[in-house]
Protein backbone atom coordinates (compact mmCIF):
# COMPACT_ATOMS: atom_id res chain seq x y z
CA UNK A 1 -164.08 136.17 -41.82
CA UNK A 2 -163.82 134.42 -38.44
CA UNK A 3 -160.85 131.91 -38.25
CA UNK A 4 -160.36 128.93 -36.07
CA UNK A 5 -158.43 129.65 -32.88
CA UNK A 6 -154.72 127.86 -32.96
CA UNK A 7 -155.90 125.79 -29.89
CA UNK A 8 -158.46 124.04 -32.04
CA UNK A 9 -155.90 123.18 -34.69
CA UNK A 10 -153.79 121.13 -32.20
CA UNK A 11 -156.60 119.11 -31.15
CA UNK A 12 -157.52 118.14 -34.69
CA UNK A 13 -155.17 115.18 -34.43
CA UNK A 14 -157.28 113.82 -31.47
CA UNK A 15 -160.37 114.47 -33.68
CA UNK A 16 -158.83 112.41 -36.50
CA UNK A 17 -158.27 109.47 -33.89
CA UNK A 18 -161.83 109.74 -32.93
CA UNK A 19 -162.91 109.54 -36.63
CA UNK A 20 -160.53 106.85 -37.81
CA UNK A 21 -160.26 104.73 -34.61
CA UNK A 22 -163.73 104.99 -33.24
CA UNK A 23 -163.99 101.38 -32.12
CA UNK A 24 -160.70 101.53 -30.23
CA UNK A 25 -161.63 104.69 -28.67
CA UNK A 26 -164.99 103.49 -27.39
CA UNK A 27 -163.59 100.29 -26.01
CA UNK A 28 -160.75 102.35 -24.23
CA UNK A 29 -163.49 104.75 -22.68
CA UNK A 30 -165.67 101.65 -21.57
CA UNK A 31 -162.57 100.57 -19.68
CA UNK A 32 -162.73 103.88 -17.96
CA UNK A 33 -166.31 103.36 -17.16
CA UNK A 34 -167.30 106.72 -18.76
CA UNK A 35 -170.85 107.49 -18.96
CA UNK A 36 -172.78 106.51 -21.88
CA UNK A 37 -173.65 110.11 -22.46
CA UNK A 38 -169.79 111.28 -22.57
CA UNK A 39 -169.08 108.32 -24.95
CA UNK A 40 -172.13 109.58 -27.14
CA UNK A 41 -169.96 112.73 -27.52
CA UNK A 42 -167.64 111.09 -29.96
CA UNK A 43 -170.44 110.63 -32.58
CA UNK A 44 -171.72 113.95 -31.76
CA UNK A 45 -168.12 115.53 -32.10
CA UNK A 46 -167.76 113.73 -35.64
CA UNK A 47 -170.92 114.92 -36.71
CA UNK A 48 -170.18 118.54 -35.83
CA UNK A 49 -166.97 118.22 -37.62
CA UNK A 50 -168.71 116.87 -40.88
CA UNK A 51 -171.04 119.99 -40.56
CA UNK A 52 -167.83 122.19 -40.17
CA UNK A 53 -166.22 120.86 -43.35
CA UNK A 54 -169.46 121.22 -45.19
CA UNK A 55 -170.04 124.81 -44.18
CA UNK A 56 -166.21 125.60 -44.76
CA UNK A 57 -166.51 124.17 -48.42
CA UNK A 58 -169.71 126.05 -49.14
CA UNK A 59 -168.11 129.32 -47.87
CA UNK A 60 -164.87 128.86 -49.71
CA UNK A 61 -167.27 128.77 -52.71
CA UNK A 62 -169.02 132.08 -51.98
CA UNK A 63 -165.50 133.76 -50.84
CA UNK A 64 -164.19 132.62 -54.40
CA UNK A 65 -167.52 134.27 -55.86
CA UNK A 66 -166.72 137.51 -54.00
CA UNK A 67 -163.26 137.62 -55.41
CA UNK A 68 -164.52 137.05 -58.90
CA UNK A 69 -167.44 139.77 -58.35
CA UNK A 70 -164.63 142.38 -57.13
CA UNK A 71 -162.67 141.66 -60.34
CA UNK A 72 -165.69 142.02 -62.53
CA UNK A 73 -167.00 145.20 -60.83
CA UNK A 74 -163.41 146.66 -61.26
CA UNK A 75 -163.33 145.93 -65.07
CA UNK A 76 -166.79 147.23 -65.39
CA UNK A 77 -166.02 150.59 -63.89
CA UNK A 78 -162.83 150.63 -65.88
CA UNK A 79 -164.93 150.46 -69.12
CA UNK A 80 -167.50 152.98 -67.98
CA UNK A 81 -170.27 150.46 -67.24
CA UNK A 82 -171.37 152.03 -63.99
CA UNK A 83 -174.99 150.65 -64.29
CA UNK A 84 -173.91 146.97 -64.50
CA UNK A 85 -171.24 147.42 -61.83
CA UNK A 86 -173.97 148.82 -59.45
CA UNK A 87 -176.14 145.37 -60.20
CA UNK A 88 -173.08 143.19 -59.35
CA UNK A 89 -172.55 145.52 -56.16
CA UNK A 90 -175.92 144.34 -55.00
CA UNK A 91 -175.02 140.74 -55.69
CA UNK A 92 -171.80 141.53 -53.50
CA UNK A 93 -174.05 142.37 -50.61
CA UNK A 94 -176.21 139.50 -50.94
CA UNK A 95 -173.02 136.97 -50.98
CA UNK A 96 -171.61 138.96 -48.10
CA UNK A 97 -174.83 138.11 -45.94
CA UNK A 98 -174.65 134.49 -46.89
CA UNK A 99 -170.80 134.41 -45.88
CA UNK A 100 -171.68 136.26 -42.43
CA UNK A 101 -174.18 133.28 -41.76
CA UNK A 102 -171.71 130.64 -42.65
CA UNK A 103 -169.21 132.31 -40.43
CA UNK A 104 -171.59 132.21 -37.59
CA UNK A 105 -172.34 128.78 -38.17
CA UNK A 106 -168.66 127.55 -38.63
CA UNK A 107 -167.79 129.45 -35.30
CA UNK A 108 -170.44 127.66 -33.58
CA UNK A 109 -169.41 124.25 -34.85
CA UNK A 110 -165.81 125.00 -33.95
CA UNK A 111 -166.62 126.08 -30.43
CA UNK A 112 -168.70 122.96 -29.85
CA UNK A 113 -165.70 120.74 -31.00
CA UNK A 114 -163.32 122.74 -28.77
CA UNK A 115 -165.49 122.40 -25.64
CA UNK A 116 -166.31 118.89 -25.99
CA UNK A 117 -162.77 117.50 -26.95
CA UNK A 118 -161.35 118.97 -24.01
CA UNK A 119 -163.85 116.99 -22.08
CA UNK A 120 -162.62 113.65 -23.08
CA UNK A 121 -159.93 111.85 -21.30
CA UNK A 122 -156.99 109.94 -22.76
CA UNK A 123 -157.57 106.75 -24.56
CA UNK A 124 -156.06 103.81 -22.36
CA UNK A 125 -153.19 101.63 -23.71
CA UNK A 126 -154.49 98.32 -24.66
CA UNK A 127 -152.53 96.67 -21.56
CA UNK A 128 -154.65 98.63 -19.18
CA UNK A 129 -157.15 96.37 -17.41
CA UNK A 130 -160.79 97.27 -17.08
CA UNK A 131 -162.15 98.16 -13.67
CA UNK A 132 -164.15 100.75 -11.87
CA UNK A 133 -161.64 101.51 -8.75
CA UNK A 134 -158.80 100.87 -6.82
CA UNK A 135 -159.89 97.44 -5.87
CA UNK A 136 -159.45 96.39 -9.64
CA UNK A 137 -155.86 97.44 -10.03
CA UNK A 138 -153.52 94.76 -10.67
CA UNK A 139 -150.36 93.79 -8.59
CA UNK A 140 -147.94 94.18 -11.52
CA UNK A 141 -144.76 93.32 -9.41
CA UNK A 142 -144.45 92.39 -5.67
CA UNK A 143 -140.98 93.58 -3.80
CA UNK A 144 -139.06 90.55 -2.60
CA UNK A 145 -138.95 89.50 0.79
CA UNK A 146 -141.54 89.19 3.58
CA UNK A 147 -143.41 92.14 4.67
CA UNK A 148 -141.70 93.43 8.13
CA UNK A 149 -143.35 92.71 11.44
CA UNK A 150 -142.85 95.39 14.23
CA UNK A 151 -142.83 94.79 17.89
CA UNK A 152 -146.01 95.05 19.98
CA UNK A 153 -145.13 98.53 21.07
CA UNK A 154 -144.19 99.79 17.68
CA UNK A 155 -145.62 103.45 16.90
CA UNK A 156 -147.24 104.97 13.79
CA UNK A 157 -145.28 107.81 12.48
CA UNK A 158 -147.42 110.83 14.06
CA UNK A 159 -146.54 109.29 17.38
CA UNK A 160 -142.93 108.74 16.42
CA UNK A 161 -142.97 112.57 15.44
CA UNK A 162 -144.11 113.56 19.00
CA UNK A 163 -141.62 111.22 20.67
CA UNK A 164 -138.66 112.50 18.73
CA UNK A 165 -139.95 116.03 17.91
CA UNK A 166 -139.74 115.75 13.97
CA UNK A 167 -142.76 117.30 12.95
CA UNK A 168 -145.65 119.22 14.24
CA UNK A 169 -149.32 118.95 13.14
CA UNK A 170 -150.85 121.28 15.89
CA UNK A 171 -148.42 124.07 14.55
CA UNK A 172 -149.10 123.59 11.08
CA UNK A 173 -152.99 123.83 11.87
CA UNK A 174 -152.14 127.02 14.05
CA UNK A 175 -150.01 128.64 11.27
CA UNK A 176 -152.12 127.46 8.04
CA UNK A 177 -154.98 124.97 8.77
CA UNK A 178 -155.59 121.34 8.87
CA UNK A 179 -153.46 119.29 6.36
CA UNK A 180 -150.30 121.49 6.71
CA UNK A 181 -147.28 120.22 8.66
CA UNK A 182 -144.34 121.99 10.16
CA UNK A 183 -141.06 119.78 10.25
CA UNK A 184 -138.27 120.62 12.70
CA UNK A 185 -135.02 119.22 14.02
CA UNK A 186 -134.07 115.96 12.33
CA UNK A 187 -137.32 115.72 10.68
CA UNK A 188 -136.67 118.79 8.92
CA UNK A 189 -133.11 117.37 8.03
CA UNK A 190 -134.55 114.11 6.96
CA UNK A 191 -136.80 115.92 4.46
CA UNK A 192 -133.92 117.93 2.90
CA UNK A 193 -131.85 114.68 2.85
CA UNK A 194 -134.44 112.82 0.94
CA UNK A 195 -134.94 115.72 -1.65
CA UNK A 196 -131.19 115.80 -2.34
CA UNK A 197 -130.83 112.03 -2.48
CA UNK A 198 -133.81 111.90 -5.13
CA UNK A 199 -132.28 114.59 -7.23
CA UNK A 200 -128.87 113.14 -7.13
CA UNK A 201 -130.15 109.79 -8.10
CA UNK A 202 -132.08 111.43 -10.99
CA UNK A 203 -128.90 113.52 -12.13
CA UNK A 204 -126.87 110.35 -12.26
CA UNK A 205 -129.61 108.86 -14.43
CA UNK A 206 -129.06 111.59 -16.85
CA UNK A 207 -131.97 113.92 -15.95
CA UNK A 208 -131.49 117.93 -16.05
CA UNK A 209 -132.43 119.38 -12.79
CA UNK A 210 -134.93 122.10 -13.36
CA UNK A 211 -136.27 124.54 -10.59
CA UNK A 212 -139.64 125.81 -12.00
CA UNK A 213 -142.13 128.26 -10.89
CA UNK A 214 -144.54 127.16 -8.22
CA UNK A 215 -147.56 129.24 -9.80
CA UNK A 216 -148.79 128.63 -13.47
CA UNK A 217 -151.30 130.32 -15.77
CA UNK A 218 -154.47 128.59 -17.14
CA UNK A 219 -152.78 127.62 -20.47
CA UNK A 220 -150.04 125.56 -18.58
CA UNK A 221 -152.58 123.74 -16.41
CA UNK A 222 -154.72 123.26 -19.36
CA UNK A 223 -151.83 121.83 -21.39
CA UNK A 224 -150.94 119.12 -18.95
CA UNK A 225 -154.63 118.31 -18.31
CA UNK A 226 -155.29 119.63 -14.67
CA UNK A 227 -157.93 121.76 -16.42
CA UNK A 228 -160.58 121.32 -16.59
CA UNK A 229 -160.37 117.92 -14.88
CA UNK A 230 -158.62 118.99 -11.59
CA UNK A 231 -159.77 122.38 -11.16
CA UNK A 232 -161.55 121.85 -7.90
CA UNK A 233 -158.09 120.30 -6.52
CA UNK A 234 -155.86 123.37 -7.14
CA UNK A 235 -155.41 126.45 -5.14
CA UNK A 236 -156.19 129.52 -7.21
CA UNK A 237 -154.86 133.12 -6.79
CA UNK A 238 -157.74 134.72 -8.30
CA UNK A 239 -156.43 138.29 -8.31
CA UNK A 240 -153.49 137.17 -10.50
CA UNK A 241 -155.31 134.38 -12.36
CA UNK A 242 -152.51 131.92 -11.31
CA UNK A 243 -152.64 128.19 -9.94
CA UNK A 244 -150.37 126.88 -7.32
CA UNK A 245 -148.89 123.76 -8.77
CA UNK A 246 -150.06 120.25 -7.88
CA UNK A 247 -146.96 118.74 -9.22
CA UNK A 248 -143.63 119.92 -10.95
CA UNK A 249 -145.12 118.01 -13.86
CA UNK A 250 -147.04 121.09 -14.87
CA UNK A 251 -144.58 123.80 -15.23
CA UNK A 252 -141.67 121.45 -16.31
CA UNK A 253 -143.68 119.85 -19.23
CA UNK A 254 -144.99 123.14 -20.16
CA UNK A 255 -141.45 124.28 -20.91
CA UNK A 256 -141.93 122.65 -24.28
CA UNK A 257 -145.43 124.11 -24.83
CA UNK A 258 -145.53 125.38 -28.61
CA UNK A 259 -142.10 123.82 -29.27
CA UNK A 260 -141.12 122.01 -32.21
CA UNK A 261 -138.26 119.66 -31.70
CA UNK A 262 -135.71 119.67 -34.51
CA UNK A 263 -134.22 116.20 -33.84
CA UNK A 264 -136.18 113.14 -34.84
CA UNK A 265 -133.95 111.21 -32.46
CA UNK A 266 -134.50 113.33 -29.52
CA UNK A 267 -134.92 112.22 -25.75
CA UNK A 268 -135.50 114.73 -23.05
CA UNK A 269 -134.95 114.07 -19.45
CA UNK A 270 -135.88 116.52 -16.81
CA UNK A 271 -136.34 116.42 -12.89
CA UNK A 272 -137.45 118.89 -10.68
CA UNK A 273 -137.98 119.41 -6.85
CA UNK A 274 -141.02 121.57 -5.80
CA UNK A 275 -143.49 121.92 -3.01
CA UNK A 276 -146.98 120.62 -4.22
CA UNK A 277 -150.10 122.08 -3.39
CA UNK A 278 -153.51 120.12 -3.32
CA UNK A 279 -156.69 120.93 -1.70
CA UNK A 280 -157.78 117.36 -1.29
CA UNK A 281 -161.28 118.58 -0.28
CA UNK A 282 -163.49 116.02 1.79
CA UNK A 283 -160.49 114.07 3.03
CA UNK A 284 -161.03 112.63 6.51
CA UNK A 285 -160.59 109.60 8.70
CA UNK A 286 -157.74 107.42 10.04
CA UNK A 287 -156.22 106.85 6.63
CA UNK A 288 -155.64 110.46 6.15
CA UNK A 289 -154.03 111.02 9.64
CA UNK A 290 -150.55 112.29 10.04
CA UNK A 291 -148.42 112.50 6.65
CA UNK A 292 -150.88 110.09 4.82
CA UNK A 293 -152.53 113.00 3.16
CA UNK A 294 -151.52 116.72 3.33
CA UNK A 295 -152.36 120.10 1.30
CA UNK A 296 -148.69 120.81 1.03
CA UNK A 297 -145.90 118.27 0.23
CA UNK A 298 -142.53 117.94 -1.26
CA UNK A 299 -141.78 116.09 -4.29
CA UNK A 300 -139.19 115.16 -6.96
CA UNK A 301 -140.55 114.70 -10.41
CA UNK A 302 -139.33 113.07 -13.54
CA UNK A 303 -140.49 114.06 -16.83
CA UNK A 304 -139.80 112.57 -20.21
CA UNK A 305 -140.37 113.66 -23.64
CA UNK A 306 -139.92 111.04 -26.25
CA UNK A 307 -140.33 109.63 -29.64
CA UNK A 308 -143.69 107.73 -29.85
CA UNK A 309 -141.76 104.39 -30.64
CA UNK A 310 -139.74 104.60 -27.58
CA UNK A 311 -142.24 105.87 -24.89
CA UNK A 312 -143.43 102.53 -23.60
CA UNK A 313 -139.62 101.24 -23.33
CA UNK A 314 -139.04 104.61 -21.38
CA UNK A 315 -141.98 103.94 -19.21
CA UNK A 316 -140.16 100.46 -17.94
CA UNK A 317 -137.01 102.40 -17.62
CA UNK A 318 -138.66 104.91 -15.08
CA UNK A 319 -140.24 102.07 -13.37
CA UNK A 320 -136.73 100.69 -12.73
CA UNK A 321 -135.43 104.09 -11.53
CA UNK A 322 -138.50 104.26 -8.89
CA UNK A 323 -137.87 100.84 -7.75
CA UNK A 324 -134.23 101.30 -7.28
CA UNK A 325 -134.86 104.18 -4.85
CA UNK A 326 -137.25 102.23 -2.93
CA UNK A 327 -134.50 99.53 -2.74
CA UNK A 328 -131.80 102.01 -1.45
CA UNK A 329 -134.26 103.08 1.12
CA UNK A 330 -134.89 99.58 2.25
CA UNK A 331 -138.75 99.76 1.97
CA UNK A 332 -141.05 96.81 1.25
CA UNK A 333 -143.01 98.01 -1.94
CA UNK A 334 -145.18 96.64 -4.72
CA UNK A 335 -146.05 97.97 -8.17
CA UNK A 336 -149.89 98.30 -9.21
CA UNK A 337 -151.01 98.55 -12.88
CA UNK A 338 -153.98 101.04 -12.56
CA UNK A 339 -157.22 99.74 -14.15
CA UNK A 340 -159.26 102.22 -16.43
CA UNK A 341 -161.51 103.37 -13.91
CA UNK A 342 -158.69 104.55 -11.41
CA UNK A 343 -156.30 106.10 -13.88
CA UNK A 344 -155.97 109.81 -14.36
CA UNK A 345 -157.58 111.60 -16.93
CA UNK A 346 -154.30 112.33 -19.01
CA UNK A 347 -153.02 109.01 -18.79
CA UNK A 348 -152.73 106.06 -21.21
CA UNK A 349 -151.15 103.98 -18.94
CA UNK A 350 -150.24 104.40 -15.12
CA UNK A 351 -148.15 102.26 -12.63
CA UNK A 352 -148.46 103.12 -8.88
CA UNK A 353 -145.91 102.43 -6.42
CA UNK A 354 -146.96 101.47 -2.73
CA UNK A 355 -144.82 101.05 0.29
CA UNK A 356 -145.87 98.97 3.38
CA UNK A 357 -146.49 100.71 6.53
CA UNK A 358 -145.66 98.21 9.15
CA UNK A 359 -147.18 100.21 12.00
CA UNK A 360 -150.45 100.98 10.21
CA UNK A 361 -150.46 97.58 8.51
CA UNK A 362 -151.42 99.02 5.06
CA UNK A 363 -150.04 100.00 1.78
CA UNK A 364 -149.34 103.73 0.99
CA UNK A 365 -148.99 105.16 -2.59
CA UNK A 366 -145.94 107.09 -2.94
CA UNK A 367 -145.31 107.51 -6.47
CA UNK A 368 -147.37 107.33 -10.09
CA UNK A 369 -145.47 106.71 -13.21
CA UNK A 370 -147.29 107.51 -16.64
CA UNK A 371 -147.16 107.38 -20.08
CA UNK A 372 -149.56 110.02 -21.65
CA UNK A 373 -148.62 109.10 -25.26
CA UNK A 374 -149.61 112.18 -27.37
CA UNK A 375 -152.39 113.57 -25.11
CA UNK A 376 -150.49 116.31 -23.35
CA UNK A 377 -148.51 116.92 -26.22
CA UNK A 378 -151.53 117.53 -28.50
CA UNK A 379 -152.85 120.18 -25.91
CA UNK A 380 -149.45 121.88 -25.88
CA UNK A 381 -148.75 121.47 -29.52
CA UNK A 382 -145.49 119.83 -28.59
CA UNK A 383 -144.17 118.36 -31.91
CA UNK A 384 -141.03 116.85 -33.70
CA UNK A 385 -139.98 116.88 -37.14
CA UNK A 386 -139.54 113.14 -38.49
CA UNK A 387 -136.94 111.95 -41.04
CA UNK A 388 -139.85 112.80 -43.98
CA UNK A 389 -139.84 116.34 -42.56
CA UNK A 390 -143.43 115.90 -41.07
CA UNK A 391 -144.64 117.64 -38.05
CA UNK A 392 -145.66 114.66 -35.56
CA UNK A 393 -146.67 114.80 -31.80
CA UNK A 394 -144.18 113.91 -29.25
CA UNK A 395 -145.02 111.49 -26.24
CA UNK A 396 -144.78 112.89 -22.61
CA UNK A 397 -144.30 110.96 -19.39
CA UNK A 398 -143.70 111.69 -15.78
CA UNK A 399 -143.15 110.14 -12.34
CA UNK A 400 -142.91 110.68 -8.99
CA UNK A 401 -139.21 110.09 -7.73
CA UNK A 402 -140.50 110.49 -5.13
CA UNK A 403 -143.30 112.17 -2.99
CA UNK A 404 -141.96 112.70 0.37
CA UNK A 405 -144.84 112.56 3.05
CA UNK A 406 -145.53 108.87 2.81
CA UNK A 407 -142.02 107.87 2.34
CA UNK A 408 -141.20 109.73 5.48
CA UNK A 409 -144.11 107.91 7.09
CA UNK A 410 -142.62 104.42 5.94
CA UNK A 411 -139.26 105.27 6.80
CA UNK A 412 -139.98 106.33 10.40
CA UNK A 413 -142.36 103.36 11.08
CA UNK A 414 -140.45 100.42 9.27
CA UNK A 415 -137.10 101.37 10.61
CA UNK A 416 -137.91 101.87 14.33
CA UNK A 417 -136.49 99.53 16.85
CA UNK A 418 -136.26 99.70 20.57
CA UNK A 419 -133.37 102.31 20.41
CA UNK A 420 -135.04 104.68 18.08
CA UNK A 421 -135.17 105.03 14.17
CA UNK A 422 -132.40 103.79 11.86
CA UNK A 423 -131.48 105.62 8.87
CA UNK A 424 -130.86 103.61 5.78
CA UNK A 425 -127.41 103.54 4.63
CA UNK A 426 -127.93 105.22 1.37
CA UNK A 427 -129.37 108.24 3.08
CA UNK A 428 -126.47 108.75 5.83
CA UNK A 429 -124.20 110.90 3.69
CA UNK A 430 -127.19 113.26 3.35
CA UNK A 431 -128.62 113.28 6.77
CA UNK A 432 -125.16 113.37 8.59
CA UNK A 433 -126.66 111.06 11.35
CA UNK A 434 -127.24 107.30 11.44
CA UNK A 435 -130.32 107.22 13.70
CA UNK A 436 -132.99 109.33 15.45
CA UNK A 437 -133.05 108.84 19.13
């Protein structure tokens, strides 16, 4: 008899949500501006699951009949009634044919459910605003103080890099291609200083530092939702069937794939520094010049695994952590609450941090902090035992703390003056220098 793969079972919770909270799911997907044909999948999945249950029930009856026939045939042979036994053996063959067709129908229904469930994004939290694009995001908080105004001769970061020999885009192109940067001299030291500063701040906040692999398998990418949603943005090592990570979120969160946590009062805090790799195909123009958008960049990531009742309080805590970093770096910032149409596939709620680039006169995204609720845990079979002994899905969260390229850009631009570039006080123990001249 065909059996349902394990990966289906851990999606059944999501299926129960579709079935039991259909109106909430549809309202949430409309916030995301999902096409009507994709929303229609909800009813199709539920109908196919009804069919699956019906076929399974019928097949159970037939299998019970097979067991009964086997017992009767055995008894007949024991009593020498071979003719009667042969008649029942013919009935066994007929029932097996019925079961075979039911198995095929069941397998088809299960495949349909699996292939379509994995296409549906997370359901937005009720505070997520409706909207189609970034223009519909809400300003949740504006950092205090006026935006900086630079002198007329102030330079964007790509010109500052040439002036002070901090990074080289031309060499990056020569060595790798467009969108790759080579850092050097005080630029490389500033990169290292930022990484160590972010890691130390995370450690002080109780996060365990992790140094994960930079390539992951498809199960890991599927677990955190990069597959099938972000397949085109990831670099793929075809021979080894491994993906270069787009963020440390993928390997760090997957540490807990197929894990049953024993403590119902758990709170898991992890942080990791990694290079990140993103193809960012089709990105051109002034808004992606310099460090604004690159294919390889450094980032320190925070990952939390939490009890469902605590996850939104933890989300606020993570916002405060990232905000504290920007305050110490003396950068003007704002926090956006993303609308449904601009939110990531896996997220139930996302806040973006942006810093103001005084030389470019525009806001640059430097962090996303998200609560995925049970969406990733559902894919990864990440559960905990509650006080009743039931196995329950955990909640996962993550956030950039921080991504370096645009932080570097804002630091260089906003802290420039007639004498060079000033290093913020909090970074000086890490850089070993107070300014770039």
